[in-house]
Amino acid sequence: MKSDKFLKIVGGNVVLVNIFGNKIRTYYTKGDGVRVDWYSEKDESVQIQLKSGKVVIINKNGGVVRTV
C-alpha cells in the first residue's frame, strides 16, 4: 500500500505531513516526543515514545487513548 502521508517529529512535536511537506495535522505538542509510529494507519492513530520512556497512543483528534 502506498501512503502519501508521513509522520514527522519536529522539535519533539509530532505532525502529519503530505509528500510535499505540508502539515496536515498536529498530533502532539508537548515537545518531548522521541519516536513516532502508526498504531493504526486506517484509523490514523499514532504511538509516540517520550523522552521518559513512556509510550502514548493518540487518536486522530488528538485525544490520548492509552499511556503505557
C-alpha atoms as a PDB file:
ATOM      1  CA  MET A   1       0.000   0.000   0.000  1.00  0.00           C
ATOM      2  CA  LYS A   2       1.417   3.379  -0.997  1.00  0.00           C
ATOM      3  CA  SER A   3       0.954   6.073   1.606  1.00  0.00           C
ATOM      4  CA  ASP A   4       1.007   9.759   0.795  1.00  0.00           C
ATOM      5  CA  LYS A   5       1.055  10.827   4.471  1.00  0.00           C
ATOM      6  CA  PHE A   6       4.070  10.680   6.759  1.00  0.00           C
ATOM      7  CA  LEU A   7       4.629  11.176  10.481  1.00  0.00           C
ATOM      8  CA  LYS A   8       7.390  13.558  11.453  1.00  0.00           C
ATOM      9  CA  ILE A   9       8.918  14.796  14.715  1.00  0.00           C
ATOM     10  CA  VAL A  10       9.741  18.499  14.713  1.00  0.00           C
ATOM     11  CA  GLY A  11      11.245  19.784  17.948  1.00  0.00           C
ATOM     12  CA  GLY A  12       9.683  16.949  19.938  1.00  0.00           C
ATOM     13  CA  ASN A  13       6.235  17.613  18.480  1.00  0.00           C
ATOM     14  CA  VAL A  14       4.505  15.090  16.216  1.00  0.00           C
ATOM     15  CA  VAL A  15       2.972  16.266  12.936  1.00  0.00           C
ATOM     16  CA  LEU A  16       1.417  14.538   9.947  1.00  0.00           C
ATOM     17  CA  VAL A  17       2.697  15.823   6.596  1.00  0.00           C
ATOM     18  CA  ASN A  18       1.935  15.019   2.967  1.00  0.00           C
ATOM     19  CA  ILE A  19       4.514  14.101   0.316  1.00  0.00           C
ATOM     20  CA  PHE A  20       5.167  17.798  -0.356  1.00  0.00           C
ATOM     21  CA  GLY A  21       5.989  18.501   3.304  1.00  0.00           C
ATOM     22  CA  ASN A  22       2.812  20.461   4.026  1.00  0.00           C
ATOM     23  CA  LYS A  23       1.434  19.966   7.529  1.00  0.00           C
ATOM     24  CA  ILE A  24      -1.929  18.202   7.651  1.00  0.00           C
ATOM     25  CA  ARG A  25      -2.409  17.639  11.378  1.00  0.00           C
ATOM     26  CA  THR A  26      -0.582  18.054  14.671  1.00  0.00           C
ATOM     27  CA  TYR A  27      -0.885  15.052  16.978  1.00  0.00           C
ATOM     28  CA  TYR A  28       1.313  16.010  19.937  1.00  0.00           C
ATOM     29  CA  THR A  29       2.687  19.381  21.101  1.00  0.00           C
ATOM     30  CA  LYS A  30       4.399  18.838  24.461  1.00  0.00           C
ATOM     31  CA  GLY A  31       7.859  18.766  22.874  1.00  0.00           C
ATOM     32  CA  ASP A  32       9.208  15.550  24.419  1.00  0.00           C
ATOM     33  CA  GLY A  33       8.477  13.052  21.633  1.00  0.00           C
ATOM     34  CA  VAL A  34      11.408  10.898  20.518  1.00  0.00           C
ATOM     35  CA  ARG A  35       9.858   8.371  18.147  1.00  0.00           C
ATOM     36  CA  VAL A  36       6.525   8.053  16.389  1.00  0.00           C
ATOM     37  CA  ASP A  37       4.907   5.144  14.551  1.00  0.00           C
ATOM     38  CA  TRP A  38       1.463   4.387  13.219  1.00  0.00           C
ATOM     39  CA  TYR A  39      -0.620   2.486  15.759  1.00  0.00           C
ATOM     40  CA  SER A  40      -3.424   2.075  13.219  1.00  0.00           C
ATOM     41  CA  GLU A  41      -2.885   3.752   9.865  1.00  0.00           C
ATOM     42  CA  LYS A  42      -6.502   3.013   8.901  1.00  0.00           C
ATOM     43  CA  ASP A  43      -7.837   4.886  11.967  1.00  0.00           C
ATOM     44  CA  GLU A  44      -4.971   7.438  11.795  1.00  0.00           C
ATOM     45  CA  SER A  45      -3.921   6.801  15.396  1.00  0.00           C
ATOM     46  CA  VAL A  46      -0.260   7.020  16.386  1.00  0.00           C
ATOM     47  CA  GLN A  47       2.008   5.692  19.104  1.00  0.00           C
ATOM     48  CA  ILE A  48       4.608   8.114  20.451  1.00  0.00           C
ATOM     49  CA  GLN A  49       7.600   7.265  22.614  1.00  0.00           C
ATOM     50  CA  LEU A  50       8.514  10.063  25.013  1.00  0.00           C
ATOM     51  CA  LYS A  51      11.908  11.010  26.487  1.00  0.00           C
ATOM     52  CA  SER A  52      10.810   9.482  29.793  1.00  0.00           C
ATOM     53  CA  GLY A  53      10.343   6.085  28.114  1.00  0.00           C
ATOM     54  CA  LYS A  54       6.554   6.151  28.270  1.00  0.00           C
ATOM     55  CA  VAL A  55       4.513   5.334  25.172  1.00  0.00           C
ATOM     56  CA  VAL A  56       1.375   7.343  24.426  1.00  0.00           C
ATOM     57  CA  ILE A  57      -1.273   6.292  21.898  1.00  0.00           C
ATOM     58  CA  ILE A  58      -3.179   9.204  20.393  1.00  0.00           C
ATOM     59  CA  ASN A  59      -6.189   9.138  18.056  1.00  0.00           C
ATOM     60  CA  LYS A  60      -6.630  11.364  15.008  1.00  0.00           C
ATOM     61  CA  ASN A  61      -8.473  14.006  17.025  1.00  0.00           C
ATOM     62  CA  GLY A  62      -5.536  14.435  19.402  1.00  0.00           C
ATOM     63  CA  GLY A  63      -7.087  12.569  22.338  1.00  0.00           C
ATOM     64  CA  VAL A  64      -4.946  10.255  24.438  1.00  0.00           C
ATOM     65  CA  VAL A  65      -6.248   6.707  24.120  1.00  0.00           C
ATOM     66  CA  ARG A  66      -3.708   4.908  26.294  1.00  0.00           C
ATOM     67  CA  THR A  67      -0.442   5.521  28.163  1.00  0.00           C
ATOM     68  CA  VAL A  68       1.940   2.591  28.603  1.00  0.00           C
END
